[in-house]
Structures are given as C-alpha cells and as structure tokens.
C-alpha atoms as a PDB file:
ATOM      1  CA  UNK A   1      80.912   6.113 120.270  1.00  0.00           C
ATOM      2  CA  UNK A   2      78.346   9.062 119.761  1.00  0.00           C
ATOM      3  CA  UNK A   3      81.001  10.973 118.530  1.00  0.00           C
ATOM      4  CA  UNK A   4      81.456   8.296 115.680  1.00  0.00           C
ATOM      5  CA  UNK A   5      77.647   8.191 114.947  1.00  0.00           C
ATOM      6  CA  UNK A   6      77.628  11.866 114.589  1.00  0.00           C
ATOM      7  CA  UNK A   7      80.539  11.783 112.024  1.00  0.00           C
ATOM      8  CA  UNK A   8      78.634   9.095 110.148  1.00  0.00           C
ATOM      9  CA  UNK A   9      75.395  11.396 110.099  1.00  0.00           C
ATOM     10  CA  UNK A  10      77.726  14.807 109.125  1.00  0.00           C
ATOM     11  CA  UNK A  11      79.264  12.514 105.862  1.00  0.00           C
ATOM     12  CA  UNK A  12      75.905  11.009 104.804  1.00  0.00           C
ATOM     13  CA  UNK A  13      74.630  14.911 104.827  1.00  0.00           C
ATOM     14  CA  UNK A  14      77.716  15.999 103.059  1.00  0.00           C
ATOM     15  CA  UNK A  15      77.613  13.259 100.055  1.00  0.00           C
ATOM     16  CA  UNK A  16      73.921  13.787  99.380  1.00  0.00           C
ATOM     17  CA  UNK A  17      74.687  17.742  99.268  1.00  0.00           C
ATOM     18  CA  UNK A  18      77.378  16.965  96.636  1.00  0.00           C
ATOM     19  CA  UNK A  19      74.990  14.473  94.875  1.00  0.00           C
ATOM     20  CA  UNK A  20      72.262  16.977  94.558  1.00  0.00           C
ATOM     21  CA  UNK A  21      74.507  19.652  92.986  1.00  0.00           C
ATOM     22  CA  UNK A  22      75.594  17.559  90.435  1.00  0.00           C
ATOM     23  CA  UNK A  23      72.307  16.657  89.403  1.00  0.00           C
ATOM     24  CA  UNK A  24      71.323  20.370  89.187  1.00  0.00           C
ATOM     25  CA  UNK A  25      74.357  21.735  87.219  1.00  0.00           C
ATOM     26  CA  UNK A  26      74.588  19.413  84.125  1.00  0.00           C
ATOM     27  CA  UNK A  27      72.595  16.074  84.375  1.00  0.00           C
ATOM     28  CA  UNK A  28      70.458  14.882  81.590  1.00  0.00           C
ATOM     29  CA  UNK A  29      66.956  16.863  81.459  1.00  0.00           C
ATOM     30  CA  UNK A  30      68.668  19.334  83.909  1.00  0.00           C
ATOM     31  CA  UNK A  31      70.355  21.942  81.463  1.00  0.00           C
ATOM     32  CA  UNK A  32      69.220  25.572  80.877  1.00  0.00           C
ATOM     33  CA  UNK A  33      68.249  26.938  77.416  1.00  0.00           C
ATOM     34  CA  UNK A  34      68.766  30.526  76.273  1.00  0.00           C
ATOM     35  CA  UNK A  35      65.518  32.469  75.165  1.00  0.00           C
ATOM     36  CA  UNK A  36      65.236  33.607  71.436  1.00  0.00           C
ATOM     37  CA  UNK A  37      66.524  37.420  71.429  1.00  0.00           C
ATOM     38  CA  UNK A  38      64.977  40.204  69.223  1.00  0.00           C
ATOM     39  CA  UNK A  39      67.515  40.902  66.475  1.00  0.00           C
ATOM     40  CA  UNK A  40      68.289  44.753  64.840  1.00  0.00           C
ATOM     41  CA  UNK A  41      66.294  45.311  61.867  1.00  0.00           C
ATOM     42  CA  UNK A  42      67.827  48.438  59.443  1.00  0.00           C
ATOM     43  CA  UNK A  43      65.638  49.722  56.349  1.00  0.00           C
ATOM     44  CA  UNK A  44      68.004  51.582  53.982  1.00  0.00           C
ATOM     45  CA  UNK A  45      66.034  52.793  51.164  1.00  0.00           C
ATOM     46  CA  UNK A  46      68.526  54.029  48.026  1.00  0.00           C
ATOM     47  CA  UNK A  47      66.915  57.316  48.444  1.00  0.00           C
ATOM     48  CA  UNK A  48      64.769  59.553  50.726  1.00  0.00           C
ATOM     49  CA  UNK A  49      62.626  60.816  48.075  1.00  0.00           C
ATOM     50  CA  UNK A  50      61.378  59.842  44.668  1.00  0.00           C
ATOM     51  CA  UNK A  51      58.573  60.358  42.146  1.00  0.00           C
ATOM     52  CA  UNK A  52      55.790  58.243  41.322  1.00  0.00           C
ATOM     53  CA  UNK A  53      57.398  57.393  38.207  1.00  0.00           C
ATOM     54  CA  UNK A  54      60.440  55.792  39.902  1.00  0.00           C
ATOM     55  CA  UNK A  55      61.390  52.406  41.160  1.00  0.00           C
ATOM     56  CA  UNK A  56      62.709  52.406  44.835  1.00  0.00           C
ATOM     57  CA  UNK A  57      65.509  49.906  45.727  1.00  0.00           C
ATOM     58  CA  UNK A  58      65.433  49.191  49.458  1.00  0.00           C
ATOM     59  CA  UNK A  59      68.183  47.290  51.350  1.00  0.00           C
ATOM     60  CA  UNK A  60      67.001  45.629  54.543  1.00  0.00           C
ATOM     61  CA  UNK A  61      69.726  44.442  57.150  1.00  0.00           C
ATOM     62  CA  UNK A  62      69.289  41.814  60.163  1.00  0.00           C
ATOM     63  CA  UNK A  63      71.956  41.363  62.861  1.00  0.00           C
ATOM     64  CA  UNK A  64      71.839  39.841  66.495  1.00  0.00           C
ATOM     65  CA  UNK A  65      74.176  38.937  69.311  1.00  0.00           C
ATOM     66  CA  UNK A  66      74.265  35.396  68.330  1.00  0.00           C
ATOM     67  CA  UNK A  67      75.830  35.042  64.800  1.00  0.00           C
ATOM     68  CA  UNK A  68      73.940  36.062  61.468  1.00  0.00           C
ATOM     69  CA  UNK A  69      70.428  35.684  61.481  1.00  0.00           C
ATOM     70  CA  UNK A  70      68.925  33.499  58.542  1.00  0.00           C
ATOM     71  CA  UNK A  71      65.262  33.843  57.249  1.00  0.00           C
ATOM     72  CA  UNK A  72      63.536  36.181  55.115  1.00  0.00           C
ATOM     73  CA  UNK A  73      61.776  39.461  55.065  1.00  0.00           C
ATOM     74  CA  UNK A  74      58.655  41.226  53.590  1.00  0.00           C
ATOM     75  CA  UNK A  75      58.578  44.637  52.905  1.00  0.00           C
ATOM     76  CA  UNK A  76      55.263  46.887  53.226  1.00  0.00           C
ATOM     77  CA  UNK A  77      53.826  50.536  52.929  1.00  0.00           C
ATOM     78  CA  UNK A  78      50.022  51.038  52.448  1.00  0.00           C
ATOM     79  CA  UNK A  79      48.747  49.069  50.023  1.00  0.00           C
ATOM     80  CA  UNK A  80      52.119  47.456  48.904  1.00  0.00           C
ATOM     81  CA  UNK A  81      53.520  44.398  49.923  1.00  0.00           C
ATOM     82  CA  UNK A  82      56.608  42.608  48.424  1.00  0.00           C
ATOM     83  CA  UNK A  83      56.834  38.793  47.987  1.00  0.00           C
ATOM     84  CA  UNK A  84      59.129  37.351  50.687  1.00  0.00           C
ATOM     85  CA  UNK A  85      62.658  37.489  50.078  1.00  0.00           C
ATOM     86  CA  UNK A  86      65.504  35.127  51.617  1.00  0.00           C
ATOM     87  CA  UNK A  87      68.355  36.987  53.296  1.00  0.00           C
ATOM     88  CA  UNK A  88      71.490  36.346  52.009  1.00  0.00           C
ATOM     89  CA  UNK A  89      74.670  37.158  54.788  1.00  0.00           C
ATOM     90  CA  UNK A  90      71.812  38.793  57.078  1.00  0.00           C
ATOM     91  CA  UNK A  91      70.572  41.068  54.197  1.00  0.00           C
ATOM     92  CA  UNK A  92      68.206  41.082  51.440  1.00  0.00           C
ATOM     93  CA  UNK A  93      67.341  44.149  48.682  1.00  0.00           C
ATOM     94  CA  UNK A  94      63.801  44.725  47.558  1.00  0.00           C
ATOM     95  CA  UNK A  95      62.836  46.909  44.530  1.00  0.00           C
ATOM     96  CA  UNK A  96      59.443  48.595  45.019  1.00  0.00           C
ATOM     97  CA  UNK A  97      58.108  48.964  41.499  1.00  0.00           C
ATOM     98  CA  UNK A  98      57.189  52.482  39.997  1.00  0.00           C
ATOM     99  CA  UNK A  99      53.656  53.985  41.280  1.00  0.00           C
ATOM    100  CA  UNK A 100      53.589  51.273  44.086  1.00  0.00           C
ATOM    101  CA  UNK A 101      53.847  53.652  46.654  1.00  0.00           C
ATOM    102  CA  UNK A 102      50.807  56.577  47.238  1.00  0.00           C
ATOM    103  CA  UNK A 103      52.239  60.407  47.133  1.00  0.00           C
ATOM    104  CA  UNK A 104      53.232  61.816  50.359  1.00  0.00           C
ATOM    105  CA  UNK A 105      55.360  60.840  53.411  1.00  0.00           C
ATOM    106  CA  UNK A 106      55.473  56.694  53.364  1.00  0.00           C
ATOM    107  CA  UNK A 107      56.741  54.351  56.110  1.00  0.00           C
ATOM    108  CA  UNK A 108      58.251  51.512  54.969  1.00  0.00           C
ATOM    109  CA  UNK A 109      58.366  48.673  57.086  1.00  0.00           C
ATOM    110  CA  UNK A 110      60.511  45.424  56.780  1.00  0.00           C
ATOM    111  CA  UNK A 111      59.108  42.445  58.853  1.00  0.00           C
ATOM    112  CA  UNK A 112      61.863  39.668  59.441  1.00  0.00           C
ATOM    113  CA  UNK A 113      60.898  36.177  60.008  1.00  0.00           C
ATOM    114  CA  UNK A 114      63.243  33.782  61.055  1.00  0.00           C
ATOM    115  CA  UNK A 115      63.695  30.210  59.380  1.00  0.00           C
ATOM    116  CA  UNK A 116      64.127  27.188  61.248  1.00  0.00           C
ATOM    117  CA  UNK A 117      68.017  27.440  61.869  1.00  0.00           C
ATOM    118  CA  UNK A 118      67.558  30.600  63.420  1.00  0.00           C
ATOM    119  CA  UNK A 119      63.879  30.393  65.314  1.00  0.00           C
ATOM    120  CA  UNK A 120      65.567  29.137  68.579  1.00  0.00           C
ATOM    121  CA  UNK A 121      67.924  32.349  68.385  1.00  0.00           C
ATOM    122  CA  UNK A 122      66.222  35.000  67.239  1.00  0.00           C
ATOM    123  CA  UNK A 123      62.439  36.358  67.190  1.00  0.00           C
ATOM    124  CA  UNK A 124      60.571  37.836  64.677  1.00  0.00           C
ATOM    125  CA  UNK A 125      60.995  41.328  64.178  1.00  0.00           C
ATOM    126  CA  UNK A 126      60.506  44.734  62.449  1.00  0.00           C
ATOM    127  CA  UNK A 127      62.184  47.929  61.321  1.00  0.00           C
ATOM    128  CA  UNK A 128      60.738  51.007  59.801  1.00  0.00           C
ATOM    129  CA  UNK A 129      62.251  53.877  57.504  1.00  0.00           C
ATOM    130  CA  UNK A 130      60.618  56.458  55.662  1.00  0.00           C
ATOM    131  CA  UNK A 131      60.580  58.039  52.384  1.00  0.00           C
ATOM    132  CA  UNK A 132      58.745  61.111  50.695  1.00  0.00           C
ATOM    133  CA  UNK A 133      57.127  60.445  47.178  1.00  0.00           C
ATOM    134  CA  UNK A 134      55.887  63.133  45.193  1.00  0.00           C
ATOM    135  CA  UNK A 135      53.185  62.927  42.644  1.00  0.00           C
ATOM    136  CA  UNK A 136      54.567  63.269  39.067  1.00  0.00           C
ATOM    137  CA  UNK A 137      52.070  63.993  35.881  1.00  0.00           C
ATOM    138  CA  UNK A 138      53.083  61.181  33.312  1.00  0.00           C
ATOM    139  CA  UNK A 139      51.631  60.633  29.828  1.00  0.00           C
ATOM    140  CA  UNK A 140      49.133  57.623  29.950  1.00  0.00           C
ATOM    141  CA  UNK A 141      48.511  54.956  27.431  1.00  0.00           C
ATOM    142  CA  UNK A 142      45.286  55.836  25.554  1.00  0.00           C
ATOM    143  CA  UNK A 143      43.663  52.891  23.627  1.00  0.00           C
ATOM    144  CA  UNK A 144      40.498  53.268  20.948  1.00  0.00           C
ATOM    145  CA  UNK A 145      39.015  50.372  20.053  1.00  0.00           C
ATOM    146  CA  UNK A 146      35.774  50.831  18.020  1.00  0.00           C
ATOM    147  CA  UNK A 147      33.296  47.591  17.778  1.00  0.00           C
ATOM    148  CA  UNK A 148      34.072  47.192  14.076  1.00  0.00           C
ATOM    149  CA  UNK A 149      36.757  48.959  11.904  1.00  0.00           C
ATOM    150  CA  UNK A 150      33.958  49.656   9.083  1.00  0.00           C
ATOM    151  CA  UNK A 151      30.798  50.711   9.203  1.00  0.00           C
ATOM    152  CA  UNK A 152      27.705  52.366   6.642  1.00  0.00           C
ATOM    153  CA  UNK A 153      26.339  56.047   7.271  1.00  0.00           C
ATOM    154  CA  UNK A 154      23.261  54.348   8.348  1.00  0.00           C
ATOM    155  CA  UNK A 155      25.291  52.132  11.537  1.00  0.00           C
ATOM    156  CA  UNK A 156      26.162  53.734  14.960  1.00  0.00           C
ATOM    157  CA  UNK A 157      29.154  53.007  16.443  1.00  0.00           C
ATOM    158  CA  UNK A 158      30.291  51.663  20.160  1.00  0.00           C
ATOM    159  CA  UNK A 159      33.763  52.650  20.727  1.00  0.00           C
ATOM    160  CA  UNK A 160      35.735  51.996  23.848  1.00  0.00           C
ATOM    161  CA  UNK A 161      38.438  54.056  25.159  1.00  0.00           C
ATOM    162  CA  UNK A 162      41.072  52.695  27.562  1.00  0.00           C
ATOM    163  CA  UNK A 163      42.955  55.261  29.607  1.00  0.00           C
ATOM    164  CA  UNK A 164      46.354  53.238  31.535  1.00  0.00           C
ATOM    165  CA  UNK A 165      49.183  54.661  32.965  1.00  0.00           C
ATOM    166  CA  UNK A 166      52.257  53.604  35.279  1.00  0.00           C
ATOM    167  CA  UNK A 167      50.736  54.212  38.644  1.00  0.00           C
ATOM    168  CA  UNK A 168      47.259  54.411  39.844  1.00  0.00           C
ATOM    169  CA  UNK A 169      44.320  53.867  37.183  1.00  0.00           C
ATOM    170  CA  UNK A 170      43.622  57.363  35.570  1.00  0.00           C
ATOM    171  CA  UNK A 171      40.408  59.553  36.750  1.00  0.00           C
ATOM    172  CA  UNK A 172      38.994  61.808  34.738  1.00  0.00           C
ATOM    173  CA  UNK A 173      36.764  61.904  31.262  1.00  0.00           C
ATOM    174  CA  UNK A 174      37.208  61.445  27.452  1.00  0.00           C
ATOM    175  CA  UNK A 175      35.910  63.444  24.289  1.00  0.00           C
ATOM    176  CA  UNK A 176      35.672  61.624  20.761  1.00  0.00           C
ATOM    177  CA  UNK A 177      35.790  63.466  17.732  1.00  0.00           C
ATOM    178  CA  UNK A 178      35.854  63.086  14.199  1.00  0.00           C
ATOM    179  CA  UNK A 179      34.937  65.767  11.350  1.00  0.00           C
ATOM    180  CA  UNK A 180      32.045  68.011  12.281  1.00  0.00           C
ATOM    181  CA  UNK A 181      30.691  65.073  14.718  1.00  0.00           C
ATOM    182  CA  UNK A 182      31.865  65.701  18.595  1.00  0.00           C
ATOM    183  CA  UNK A 183      30.639  63.682  21.624  1.00  0.00           C
ATOM    184  CA  UNK A 184      29.616  64.713  24.831  1.00  0.00           C
ATOM    185  CA  UNK A 185      32.193  64.695  27.853  1.00  0.00           C
ATOM    186  CA  UNK A 186      32.209  61.248  29.174  1.00  0.00           C
ATOM    187  CA  UNK A 187      33.498  60.037  32.813  1.00  0.00           C
ATOM    188  CA  UNK A 188      35.879  56.817  32.920  1.00  0.00           C
ATOM    189  CA  UNK A 189      35.143  54.407  34.970  1.00  0.00           C
ATOM    190  CA  UNK A 190      38.229  52.020  36.435  1.00  0.00           C
ATOM    191  CA  UNK A 191      40.053  53.716  33.662  1.00  0.00           C
ATOM    192  CA  UNK A 192      37.799  53.187  30.810  1.00  0.00           C
ATOM    193  CA  UNK A 193      34.425  54.844  29.005  1.00  0.00           C
ATOM    194  CA  UNK A 194      32.275  53.492  26.019  1.00  0.00           C
ATOM    195  CA  UNK A 195      30.958  55.952  23.775  1.00  0.00           C
ATOM    196  CA  UNK A 196      27.952  55.488  20.676  1.00  0.00           C
ATOM    197  CA  UNK A 197      28.516  57.424  17.677  1.00  0.00           C
ATOM    198  CA  UNK A 198      24.929  57.630  16.311  1.00  0.00           C
ATOM    199  CA  UNK A 199      24.648  56.550  13.032  1.00  0.00           C
ATOM    200  CA  UNK A 200      25.170  59.362  10.244  1.00  0.00           C
ATOM    201  CA  UNK A 201      27.216  61.049  12.572  1.00  0.00           C
ATOM    202  CA  UNK A 202      30.357  60.070  10.797  1.00  0.00           C
ATOM    203  CA  UNK A 203      31.306  60.800   7.004  1.00  0.00           C
ATOM    204  CA  UNK A 204      32.311  58.453   4.554  1.00  0.00           C
ATOM    205  CA  UNK A 205      35.964  57.259   4.980  1.00  0.00           C
ATOM    206  CA  UNK A 206      36.338  59.438   8.122  1.00  0.00           C
ATOM    207  CA  UNK A 207      39.017  58.330  10.911  1.00  0.00           C
ATOM    208  CA  UNK A 208      37.841  58.856  14.606  1.00  0.00           C
ATOM    209  CA  UNK A 209      40.129  61.255  17.130  1.00  0.00           C
ATOM    210  CA  UNK A 210      40.082  61.163  20.812  1.00  0.00           C
ATOM    211  CA  UNK A 211      40.120  64.186  23.467  1.00  0.00           C
ATOM    212  CA  UNK A 212      41.147  63.470  26.848  1.00  0.00           C
END
C-alpha cells in the first residue's frame, strides 16, 4: 500500500513538472522577444577632396543582420545639416551644395533613424567619413544700387553696394568712383555697404564705377 501511494506522488510530481515546462516554452504571454540591434552605417563621399566651389554627393548605406533596414538618414558637418532622406533598398544619396562645407578637413556624419517597420529590429545609429575641402577664390557678384537713377548737381546720392558669393558671405571693403570723384574705402557689413556721394561731386551725365 505504501508503495502504491509513493508511486502516485511520483506520478503527480512528474505531471506538474511537465505542465510547468510547457507553460514556459511558448504559452501565451511567455514568449521571448529579441532586442533591436545596431546596424552598420557606411558613408561614402563621391570624392575625398573638393573645393568650396564644388558640390559633393554622399552615398549612405545602412545594413544589418536581420534584413534590409528601412527609415531615413540625415547628413551633417559643421553648420550644414541636410534634410531627412528616406532609404531606398537600404541606401540614400545626399548632395551637399557648393560652399556648404568649411575649408579644411571636414567630418561627415550620417544619422540613421528607423521607421515603424524597423524600430523593433534596429536601433538608431551613426556613421562618419572625412573629406578635405580646399578654399577656392571665386568672382563674387557685385550689385550697385543708387537711391535714385537721376539727380541734379545740387543733390547728394546714396549708393548701396551688395557683394554676394556662392559660399560664405564676402568680407572686405569697396570704393566707389566716378570721374574725378573717389570715395573712401568702406568696409562691408553682412556683404553690403552704403556710400553717400556728396552734392556736386558728380559731373552731368556721368556714370558711377565700383572698385572692390
């Protein structure tokens, strides 16, 4: 009789063990989810060296072990930041406009942000590449705007001079001249300067010239 009771207890313990194991191996609410992984970000500029007068195309590839990542990338360097660009088959190409990168050695940083389809699989991640930018002197655009297109010899004349370039705002000075009149050198402020020509300084039917 005692052996029979002992056998019942053994069978019950065995059945309970099987039930617990079954619940822990895939029952509702008992599954185990995988954590997002960090993808690899490869940043490839079309050239490793450009001038400030050149634009630059940069290809960004995002890859991972759990399928092709989806989402978007943003490229930045110094004061430049691109708009967000959606990945296509795991890559995107962004063109940096001429003059957007400072002269010297620049680090391009691409930041990947997963969309809702990839957020459970991949984390946000960044990748970098370097490019050398050489300053290149270019001819700026100079715009001379007199306050009036016609005056008398008894009137003074204010003239605004604006200097613009493809890259950073030009700095320096301008000199205005016409016939025997030459202004003093005036320093540009935010790319422009205003010079007032005194009354009687210009001869009748005379044009105004600019020297930068």
